[in-house]
């Protein structure tokens, strides 16, 4: 994993999924996802980053991050990447 994988510019949107770095602002993700047909509009009103939103299961208007989260990859202190499924 490269450090650039965690940076704000790291958003990869495909037809069946979205990969995004933890430091991406939630509003930016919502806007880009909307352009590709995904409905993550509830994230536009949540200040902060995707990483924070995932950690606290942020939500509003009856929708939560866990409603649209498939999995999370976490880089541990030991340098090992662990995947957590929803």
PDB file of N, CA and C in Angstrom:
ATOM      1  N   UNK A   1       0.847  -1.186   0.000  1.00  0.00           N
ATOM      2  CA  UNK A   1       0.000   0.000   0.000  1.00  0.00           C
ATOM      3  C   UNK A   1       0.879   1.230   0.000  1.00  0.00           C
ATOM      4  N   UNK A   2       0.577   2.144  -0.859  1.00  0.00           N
ATOM      5  CA  UNK A   2       1.315   3.394  -0.924  1.00  0.00           C
ATOM      6  C   UNK A   2       0.616   4.446  -0.095  1.00  0.00           C
ATOM      7  N   UNK A   3       1.392   5.403   0.415  1.00  0.00           N
ATOM      8  CA  UNK A   3       0.787   6.492   1.171  1.00  0.00           C
ATOM      9  C   UNK A   3      -0.246   7.225   0.326  1.00  0.00           C
ATOM     10  N   UNK A   4      -0.018   7.315  -0.966  1.00  0.00           N
ATOM     11  CA  UNK A   4      -0.953   8.006  -1.851  1.00  0.00           C
ATOM     12  C   UNK A   4      -2.323   7.333  -1.865  1.00  0.00           C
ATOM     13  N   UNK A   5      -2.390   6.058  -1.469  1.00  0.00           N
ATOM     14  CA  UNK A   5      -3.669   5.363  -1.414  1.00  0.00           C
ATOM     15  C   UNK A   5      -4.574   5.932  -0.326  1.00  0.00           C
ATOM     16  N   UNK A   6      -4.001   6.635   0.621  1.00  0.00           N
ATOM     17  CA  UNK A   6      -4.775   7.191   1.728  1.00  0.00           C
ATOM     18  C   UNK A   6      -5.096   8.665   1.519  1.00  0.00           C
ATOM     19  N   UNK A   7      -4.635   9.245   0.465  1.00  0.00           N
ATOM     20  CA  UNK A   7      -4.766  10.681   0.276  1.00  0.00           C
ATOM     21  C   UNK A   7      -6.142  11.089  -0.225  1.00  0.00           C
ATOM     22  N   UNK A   8      -6.422  12.367  -0.128  1.00  0.00           N
ATOM     23  CA  UNK A   8      -7.725  12.932  -0.453  1.00  0.00           C
ATOM     24  C   UNK A   8      -8.156  12.675  -1.888  1.00  0.00           C
ATOM     25  N   UNK A   9      -7.220  12.544  -2.801  1.00  0.00           N
ATOM     26  CA  UNK A   9      -7.570  12.347  -4.202  1.00  0.00           C
ATOM     27  C   UNK A   9      -7.940  10.911  -4.528  1.00  0.00           C
ATOM     28  N   UNK A  10      -7.891  10.030  -3.558  1.00  0.00           N
ATOM     29  CA  UNK A  10      -8.105   8.611  -3.816  1.00  0.00           C
ATOM     30  C   UNK A  10      -9.580   8.234  -3.766  1.00  0.00           C
ATOM     31  N   UNK A  11     -10.266   8.402  -4.897  1.00  0.00           N
ATOM     32  CA  UNK A  11     -11.641   7.927  -5.047  1.00  0.00           C
ATOM     33  C   UNK A  11     -11.696   7.146  -6.352  1.00  0.00           C
ATOM     34  N   UNK A  12     -12.096   5.902  -6.248  1.00  0.00           N
ATOM     35  CA  UNK A  12     -12.226   5.045  -7.429  1.00  0.00           C
ATOM     36  C   UNK A  12     -13.676   4.576  -7.498  1.00  0.00           C
ATOM     37  N   UNK A  13     -14.400   5.052  -8.484  1.00  0.00           N
ATOM     38  CA  UNK A  13     -15.812   4.708  -8.621  1.00  0.00           C
ATOM     39  C   UNK A  13     -15.983   3.806  -9.839  1.00  0.00           C
ATOM     40  N   UNK A  14     -16.527   2.619  -9.585  1.00  0.00           N
ATOM     41  CA  UNK A  14     -16.813   1.664 -10.647  1.00  0.00           C
ATOM     42  C   UNK A  14     -18.313   1.403 -10.678  1.00  0.00           C
ATOM     43  N   UNK A  15     -18.730   0.615 -11.645  1.00  0.00           N
ATOM     44  CA  UNK A  15     -20.151   0.341 -11.811  1.00  0.00           C
ATOM     45  C   UNK A  15     -20.759  -0.345 -10.587  1.00  0.00           C
ATOM     46  N   UNK A  16     -20.004  -1.248  -9.946  1.00  0.00           N
ATOM     47  CA  UNK A  16     -20.568  -2.018  -8.846  1.00  0.00           C
ATOM     48  C   UNK A  16     -20.004  -1.684  -7.466  1.00  0.00           C
ATOM     49  N   UNK A  17     -19.046  -0.747  -7.385  1.00  0.00           N
ATOM     50  CA  UNK A  17     -18.530  -0.378  -6.063  1.00  0.00           C
ATOM     51  C   UNK A  17     -17.748   0.937  -6.098  1.00  0.00           C
ATOM     52  N   UNK A  18     -17.463   1.430  -4.917  1.00  0.00           N
ATOM     53  CA  UNK A  18     -16.668   2.649  -4.745  1.00  0.00           C
ATOM     54  C   UNK A  18     -15.555   2.320  -3.773  1.00  0.00           C
ATOM     55  N   UNK A  19     -14.319   2.678  -4.114  1.00  0.00           N
ATOM     56  CA  UNK A  19     -13.184   2.574  -3.200  1.00  0.00           C
ATOM     57  C   UNK A  19     -12.749   3.992  -2.894  1.00  0.00           C
ATOM     58  N   UNK A  20     -12.573   4.296  -1.624  1.00  0.00           N
ATOM     59  CA  UNK A  20     -12.254   5.666  -1.243  1.00  0.00           C
ATOM     60  C   UNK A  20     -11.298   5.665  -0.047  1.00  0.00           C
ATOM     61  N   UNK A  21     -10.366   6.609  -0.051  1.00  0.00           N
ATOM     62  CA  UNK A  21      -9.431   6.770   1.057  1.00  0.00           C
ATOM     63  C   UNK A  21     -10.097   7.411   2.257  1.00  0.00           C
ATOM     64  N   UNK A  22      -9.555   7.156   3.430  1.00  0.00           N
ATOM     65  CA  UNK A  22     -10.142   7.639   4.677  1.00  0.00           C
ATOM     66  C   UNK A  22     -10.144   9.160   4.800  1.00  0.00           C
ATOM     67  N   UNK A  23      -9.219   9.848   4.151  1.00  0.00           N
ATOM     68  CA  UNK A  23      -9.124  11.298   4.318  1.00  0.00           C
ATOM     69  C   UNK A  23      -9.983  12.091   3.336  1.00  0.00           C
ATOM     70  N   UNK A  24     -10.736  11.411   2.491  1.00  0.00           N
ATOM     71  CA  UNK A  24     -11.604  12.100   1.529  1.00  0.00           C
ATOM     72  C   UNK A  24     -12.773  12.744   2.281  1.00  0.00           C
ATOM     73  N   UNK A  25     -13.040  14.017   2.034  1.00  0.00           N
ATOM     74  CA  UNK A  25     -14.196  14.667   2.673  1.00  0.00           C
ATOM     75  C   UNK A  25     -15.507  13.992   2.255  1.00  0.00           C
ATOM     76  N   UNK A  26     -16.415  13.828   3.204  1.00  0.00           N
ATOM     77  CA  UNK A  26     -17.679  13.148   2.928  1.00  0.00           C
ATOM     78  C   UNK A  26     -18.482  13.864   1.843  1.00  0.00           C
ATOM     79  N   UNK A  27     -18.480  15.185   1.868  1.00  0.00           N
ATOM     80  CA  UNK A  27     -19.235  15.951   0.862  1.00  0.00           C
ATOM     81  C   UNK A  27     -18.665  15.720  -0.537  1.00  0.00           C
ATOM     82  N   UNK A  28     -17.357  15.611  -0.640  1.00  0.00           N
ATOM     83  CA  UNK A  28     -16.720  15.362  -1.939  1.00  0.00           C
ATOM     84  C   UNK A  28     -17.093  13.985  -2.473  1.00  0.00           C
ATOM     85  N   UNK A  29     -17.064  12.989  -1.603  1.00  0.00           N
ATOM     86  CA  UNK A  29     -17.470  11.643  -2.010  1.00  0.00           C
ATOM     87  C   UNK A  29     -18.920  11.641  -2.473  1.00  0.00           C
ATOM     88  N   UNK A  30     -19.802  12.287  -1.726  1.00  0.00           N
ATOM     89  CA  UNK A  30     -21.219  12.318  -2.082  1.00  0.00           C
ATOM     90  C   UNK A  30     -21.423  12.950  -3.452  1.00  0.00           C
ATOM     91  N   UNK A  31     -20.723  14.029  -3.720  1.00  0.00           N
ATOM     92  CA  UNK A  31     -20.865  14.719  -5.009  1.00  0.00           C
ATOM     93  C   UNK A  31     -20.361  13.856  -6.159  1.00  0.00           C
ATOM     94  N   UNK A  32     -19.187  13.255  -5.996  1.00  0.00           N
ATOM     95  CA  UNK A  32     -18.621  12.421  -7.064  1.00  0.00           C
ATOM     96  C   UNK A  32     -19.468  11.166  -7.282  1.00  0.00           C
ATOM     97  N   UNK A  33     -19.957  10.575  -6.194  1.00  0.00           N
ATOM     98  CA  UNK A  33     -20.786   9.374  -6.307  1.00  0.00           C
ATOM     99  C   UNK A  33     -22.089   9.696  -7.028  1.00  0.00           C
ATOM    100  N   UNK A  34     -22.651  10.854  -6.741  1.00  0.00           N
ATOM    101  CA  UNK A  34     -23.885  11.275  -7.386  1.00  0.00           C
ATOM    102  C   UNK A  34     -23.709  11.401  -8.898  1.00  0.00           C
ATOM    103  N   UNK A  35     -22.557  11.929  -9.303  1.00  0.00           N
ATOM    104  CA  UNK A  35     -22.254  12.057 -10.732  1.00  0.00           C
ATOM    105  C   UNK A  35     -22.238  10.711 -11.435  1.00  0.00           C
ATOM    106  N   UNK A  36     -21.977   9.639 -10.670  1.00  0.00           N
ATOM    107  CA  UNK A  36     -21.905   8.290 -11.239  1.00  0.00           C
ATOM    108  C   UNK A  36     -23.166   7.469 -10.971  1.00  0.00           C
ATOM    109  N   UNK A  37     -24.193   8.102 -10.399  1.00  0.00           N
ATOM    110  CA  UNK A  37     -25.460   7.410 -10.201  1.00  0.00           C
ATOM    111  C   UNK A  37     -25.675   6.796  -8.834  1.00  0.00           C
ATOM    112  N   UNK A  38     -24.754   6.976  -7.913  1.00  0.00           N
ATOM    113  CA  UNK A  38     -24.915   6.462  -6.548  1.00  0.00           C
ATOM    114  C   UNK A  38     -25.633   7.505  -5.695  1.00  0.00           C
ATOM    115  N   UNK A  39     -26.472   7.067  -4.773  1.00  0.00           N
ATOM    116  CA  UNK A  39     -27.186   7.982  -3.894  1.00  0.00           C
ATOM    117  C   UNK A  39     -26.554   7.984  -2.506  1.00  0.00           C
ATOM    118  N   UNK A  40     -25.588   8.857  -2.314  1.00  0.00           N
ATOM    119  CA  UNK A  40     -24.968   9.057  -1.009  1.00  0.00           C
ATOM    120  C   UNK A  40     -25.204  10.493  -0.540  1.00  0.00           C
ATOM    121  N   UNK A  41     -26.336  11.061  -0.945  1.00  0.00           N
ATOM    122  CA  UNK A  41     -26.644  12.460  -0.657  1.00  0.00           C
ATOM    123  C   UNK A  41     -26.630  12.761   0.840  1.00  0.00           C
ATOM    124  N   UNK A  42     -26.983  11.792   1.670  1.00  0.00           N
ATOM    125  CA  UNK A  42     -26.992  12.036   3.109  1.00  0.00           C
ATOM    126  C   UNK A  42     -25.617  12.422   3.639  1.00  0.00           C
ATOM    127  N   UNK A  43     -24.553  12.024   2.941  1.00  0.00           N
ATOM    128  CA  UNK A  43     -23.197  12.357   3.372  1.00  0.00           C
ATOM    129  C   UNK A  43     -22.850  13.826   3.146  1.00  0.00           C
ATOM    130  N   UNK A  44     -23.556  14.503   2.262  1.00  0.00           N
ATOM    131  CA  UNK A  44     -23.251  15.909   1.952  1.00  0.00           C
ATOM    132  C   UNK A  44     -23.364  16.802   3.176  1.00  0.00           C
ATOM    133  N   UNK A  45     -24.261  16.462   4.090  1.00  0.00           N
ATOM    134  CA  UNK A  45     -24.490  17.321   5.251  1.00  0.00           C
ATOM    135  C   UNK A  45     -23.658  16.921   6.460  1.00  0.00           C
ATOM    136  N   UNK A  46     -22.866  15.878   6.322  1.00  0.00           N
ATOM    137  CA  UNK A  46     -22.042  15.415   7.441  1.00  0.00           C
ATOM    138  C   UNK A  46     -20.633  15.960   7.266  1.00  0.00           C
ATOM    139  N   UNK A  47     -20.200  16.857   8.158  1.00  0.00           N
ATOM    140  CA  UNK A  47     -18.856  17.405   8.025  1.00  0.00           C
ATOM    141  C   UNK A  47     -17.804  16.355   8.391  1.00  0.00           C
ATOM    142  N   UNK A  48     -16.653  16.447   7.771  1.00  0.00           N
ATOM    143  CA  UNK A  48     -15.566  15.540   8.114  1.00  0.00           C
ATOM    144  C   UNK A  48     -15.150  14.661   6.953  1.00  0.00           C
ATOM    145  N   UNK A  49     -14.490  13.572   7.297  1.00  0.00           N
ATOM    146  CA  UNK A  49     -13.919  12.682   6.293  1.00  0.00           C
ATOM    147  C   UNK A  49     -14.612  11.320   6.313  1.00  0.00           C
ATOM    148  N   UNK A  50     -14.353  10.566   5.269  1.00  0.00           N
ATOM    149  CA  UNK A  50     -14.934   9.230   5.151  1.00  0.00           C
ATOM    150  C   UNK A  50     -14.471   8.343   6.310  1.00  0.00           C
ATOM    151  N   UNK A  51     -13.201   8.427   6.674  1.00  0.00           N
ATOM    152  CA  UNK A  51     -12.689   7.608   7.778  1.00  0.00           C
ATOM    153  C   UNK A  51     -13.435   7.860   9.074  1.00  0.00           C
ATOM    154  N   UNK A  52     -13.670   9.118   9.385  1.00  0.00           N
ATOM    155  CA  UNK A  52     -14.421   9.464  10.592  1.00  0.00           C
ATOM    156  C   UNK A  52     -15.867   9.011  10.501  1.00  0.00           C
ATOM    157  N   UNK A  53     -16.459   9.161   9.328  1.00  0.00           N
ATOM    158  CA  UNK A  53     -17.850   8.755   9.136  1.00  0.00           C
ATOM    159  C   UNK A  53     -18.007   7.247   9.306  1.00  0.00           C
ATOM    160  N   UNK A  54     -17.031   6.490   8.822  1.00  0.00           N
ATOM    161  CA  UNK A  54     -17.077   5.031   8.974  1.00  0.00           C
ATOM    162  C   UNK A  54     -16.900   4.660  10.437  1.00  0.00           C
ATOM    163  N   UNK A  55     -15.937   5.274  11.104  1.00  0.00           N
ATOM    164  CA  UNK A  55     -15.653   4.934  12.505  1.00  0.00           C
ATOM    165  C   UNK A  55     -16.863   5.150  13.405  1.00  0.00           C
ATOM    166  N   UNK A  56     -17.595   6.244  13.171  1.00  0.00           N
ATOM    167  CA  UNK A  56     -18.731   6.539  14.061  1.00  0.00           C
ATOM    168  C   UNK A  56     -20.078   6.158  13.451  1.00  0.00           C
ATOM    169  N   UNK A  57     -20.054   5.506  12.288  1.00  0.00           N
ATOM    170  CA  UNK A  57     -21.277   5.138  11.575  1.00  0.00           C
ATOM    171  C   UNK A  57     -22.183   6.360  11.426  1.00  0.00           C
ATOM    172  N   UNK A  58     -21.626   7.394  10.840  1.00  0.00           N
ATOM    173  CA  UNK A  58     -22.343   8.658  10.677  1.00  0.00           C
ATOM    174  C   UNK A  58     -23.607   8.467   9.860  1.00  0.00           C
ATOM    175  N   UNK A  59     -24.592   9.280  10.159  1.00  0.00           N
ATOM    176  CA  UNK A  59     -25.820   9.207   9.409  1.00  0.00           C
ATOM    177  C   UNK A  59     -26.727  10.385   9.660  1.00  0.00           C
ATOM    178  N   UNK A  60     -27.697  10.540   8.783  1.00  0.00           N
ATOM    179  CA  UNK A  60     -28.756  11.533   8.930  1.00  0.00           C
ATOM    180  C   UNK A  60     -29.856  11.203   7.934  1.00  0.00           C
ATOM    181  N   UNK A  61     -31.014  11.804   8.139  1.00  0.00           N
ATOM    182  CA  UNK A  61     -32.171  11.573   7.272  1.00  0.00           C
ATOM    183  C   UNK A  61     -32.513  10.084   7.150  1.00  0.00           C
ATOM    184  N   UNK A  62     -32.262   9.341   8.224  1.00  0.00           N
ATOM    185  CA  UNK A  62     -32.628   7.927   8.232  1.00  0.00           C
ATOM    186  C   UNK A  62     -31.670   6.983   7.535  1.00  0.00           C
ATOM    187  N   UNK A  63     -30.535   7.489   7.078  1.00  0.00           N
ATOM    188  CA  UNK A  63     -29.526   6.629   6.429  1.00  0.00           C
ATOM    189  C   UNK A  63     -28.223   6.721   7.198  1.00  0.00           C
ATOM    190  N   UNK A  64     -27.488   5.618   7.229  1.00  0.00           N
ATOM    191  CA  UNK A  64     -26.220   5.535   7.935  1.00  0.00           C
ATOM    192  C   UNK A  64     -25.154   4.945   7.016  1.00  0.00           C
ATOM    193  N   UNK A  65     -23.910   5.199   7.341  1.00  0.00           N
ATOM    194  CA  UNK A  65     -22.806   4.678   6.551  1.00  0.00           C
ATOM    195  C   UNK A  65     -22.908   3.156   6.447  1.00  0.00           C
ATOM    196  N   UNK A  66     -23.263   2.504   7.521  1.00  0.00           N
ATOM    197  CA  UNK A  66     -23.337   1.036   7.499  1.00  0.00           C
ATOM    198  C   UNK A  66     -24.373   0.507   6.504  1.00  0.00           C
ATOM    199  N   UNK A  67     -25.334   1.348   6.112  1.00  0.00           N
ATOM    200  CA  UNK A  67     -26.339   0.931   5.132  1.00  0.00           C
ATOM    201  C   UNK A  67     -25.737   0.708   3.747  1.00  0.00           C
ATOM    202  N   UNK A  68     -24.621   1.363   3.465  1.00  0.00           N
ATOM    203  CA  UNK A  68     -24.036   1.266   2.121  1.00  0.00           C
ATOM    204  C   UNK A  68     -22.576   0.812   2.156  1.00  0.00           C
ATOM    205  N   UNK A  69     -22.124   0.343   3.296  1.00  0.00           N
ATOM    206  CA  UNK A  69     -20.733  -0.088   3.455  1.00  0.00           C
ATOM    207  C   UNK A  69     -20.620  -1.591   3.264  1.00  0.00           C
ATOM    208  N   UNK A  70     -19.704  -1.994   2.392  1.00  0.00           N
ATOM    209  CA  UNK A  70     -19.479  -3.418   2.155  1.00  0.00           C
ATOM    210  C   UNK A  70     -18.317  -3.940   3.000  1.00  0.00           C
ATOM    211  N   UNK A  71     -17.187  -3.210   2.976  1.00  0.00           N
ATOM    212  CA  UNK A  71     -16.031  -3.622   3.761  1.00  0.00           C
ATOM    213  C   UNK A  71     -15.087  -2.433   3.955  1.00  0.00           C
ATOM    214  N   UNK A  72     -14.172  -2.595   4.911  1.00  0.00           N
ATOM    215  CA  UNK A  72     -13.170  -1.575   5.221  1.00  0.00           C
ATOM    216  C   UNK A  72     -11.823  -2.266   5.342  1.00  0.00           C
ATOM    217  N   UNK A  73     -10.801  -1.681   4.734  1.00  0.00           N
ATOM    218  CA  UNK A  73      -9.433  -2.175   4.918  1.00  0.00           C
ATOM    219  C   UNK A  73      -8.714  -1.224   5.860  1.00  0.00           C
ATOM    220  N   UNK A  74      -8.098  -1.791   6.893  1.00  0.00           N
ATOM    221  CA  UNK A  74      -7.427  -0.999   7.919  1.00  0.00           C
ATOM    222  C   UNK A  74      -5.954  -1.365   7.954  1.00  0.00           C
ATOM    223  N   UNK A  75      -5.111  -0.348   7.944  1.00  0.00           N
ATOM    224  CA  UNK A  75      -3.673  -0.551   8.079  1.00  0.00           C
ATOM    225  C   UNK A  75      -3.326  -0.487   9.553  1.00  0.00           C
ATOM    226  N   UNK A  76      -2.907  -1.621  10.111  1.00  0.00           N
ATOM    227  CA  UNK A  76      -2.588  -1.698  11.531  1.00  0.00           C
ATOM    228  C   UNK A  76      -1.224  -1.119  11.852  1.00  0.00           C
ATOM    229  N   UNK A  77      -0.962  -0.943  13.120  1.00  0.00           N
ATOM    230  CA  UNK A  77       0.326  -0.399  13.577  1.00  0.00           C
ATOM    231  C   UNK A  77       1.497  -1.284  13.185  1.00  0.00           C
ATOM    232  N   UNK A  78       1.225  -2.568  12.999  1.00  0.00           N
ATOM    233  CA  UNK A  78       2.270  -3.510  12.613  1.00  0.00           C
ATOM    234  C   UNK A  78       2.502  -3.543  11.109  1.00  0.00           C
ATOM    235  N   UNK A  79       1.748  -2.709  10.355  1.00  0.00           N
ATOM    236  CA  UNK A  79       1.910  -2.637   8.922  1.00  0.00           C
ATOM    237  C   UNK A  79       1.084  -3.649   8.146  1.00  0.00           C
ATOM    238  N   UNK A  80       0.257  -4.399   8.834  1.00  0.00           N
ATOM    239  CA  UNK A  80      -0.581  -5.410   8.195  1.00  0.00           C
ATOM    240  C   UNK A  80      -1.954  -4.818   7.872  1.00  0.00           C
ATOM    241  N   UNK A  81      -2.434  -5.074   6.656  1.00  0.00           N
ATOM    242  CA  UNK A  81      -3.747  -4.617   6.241  1.00  0.00           C
ATOM    243  C   UNK A  81      -4.757  -5.700   6.552  1.00  0.00           C
ATOM    244  N   UNK A  82      -5.822  -5.312   7.280  1.00  0.00           N
ATOM    245  CA  UNK A  82      -6.888  -6.232   7.648  1.00  0.00           C
ATOM    246  C   UNK A  82      -8.190  -5.732   7.046  1.00  0.00           C
ATOM    247  N   UNK A  83      -8.953  -6.648   6.459  1.00  0.00           N
ATOM    248  CA  UNK A  83     -10.249  -6.271   5.899  1.00  0.00           C
ATOM    249  C   UNK A  83     -11.359  -6.667   6.865  1.00  0.00           C
ATOM    250  N   UNK A  84     -12.265  -5.726   7.120  1.00  0.00           N
ATOM    251  CA  UNK A  84     -13.425  -5.968   7.958  1.00  0.00           C
ATOM    252  C   UNK A  84     -14.658  -5.857   7.066  1.00  0.00           C
ATOM    253  N   UNK A  85     -15.456  -6.904   7.070  1.00  0.00           N
ATOM    254  CA  UNK A  85     -16.705  -6.905   6.298  1.00  0.00           C
ATOM    255  C   UNK A  85     -17.808  -6.289   7.153  1.00  0.00           C
ATOM    256  N   UNK A  86     -18.791  -5.692   6.485  1.00  0.00           N
ATOM    257  CA  UNK A  86     -19.923  -5.098   7.204  1.00  0.00           C
ATOM    258  C   UNK A  86     -20.776  -6.208   7.786  1.00  0.00           C
TER     259      UNK A  86
END
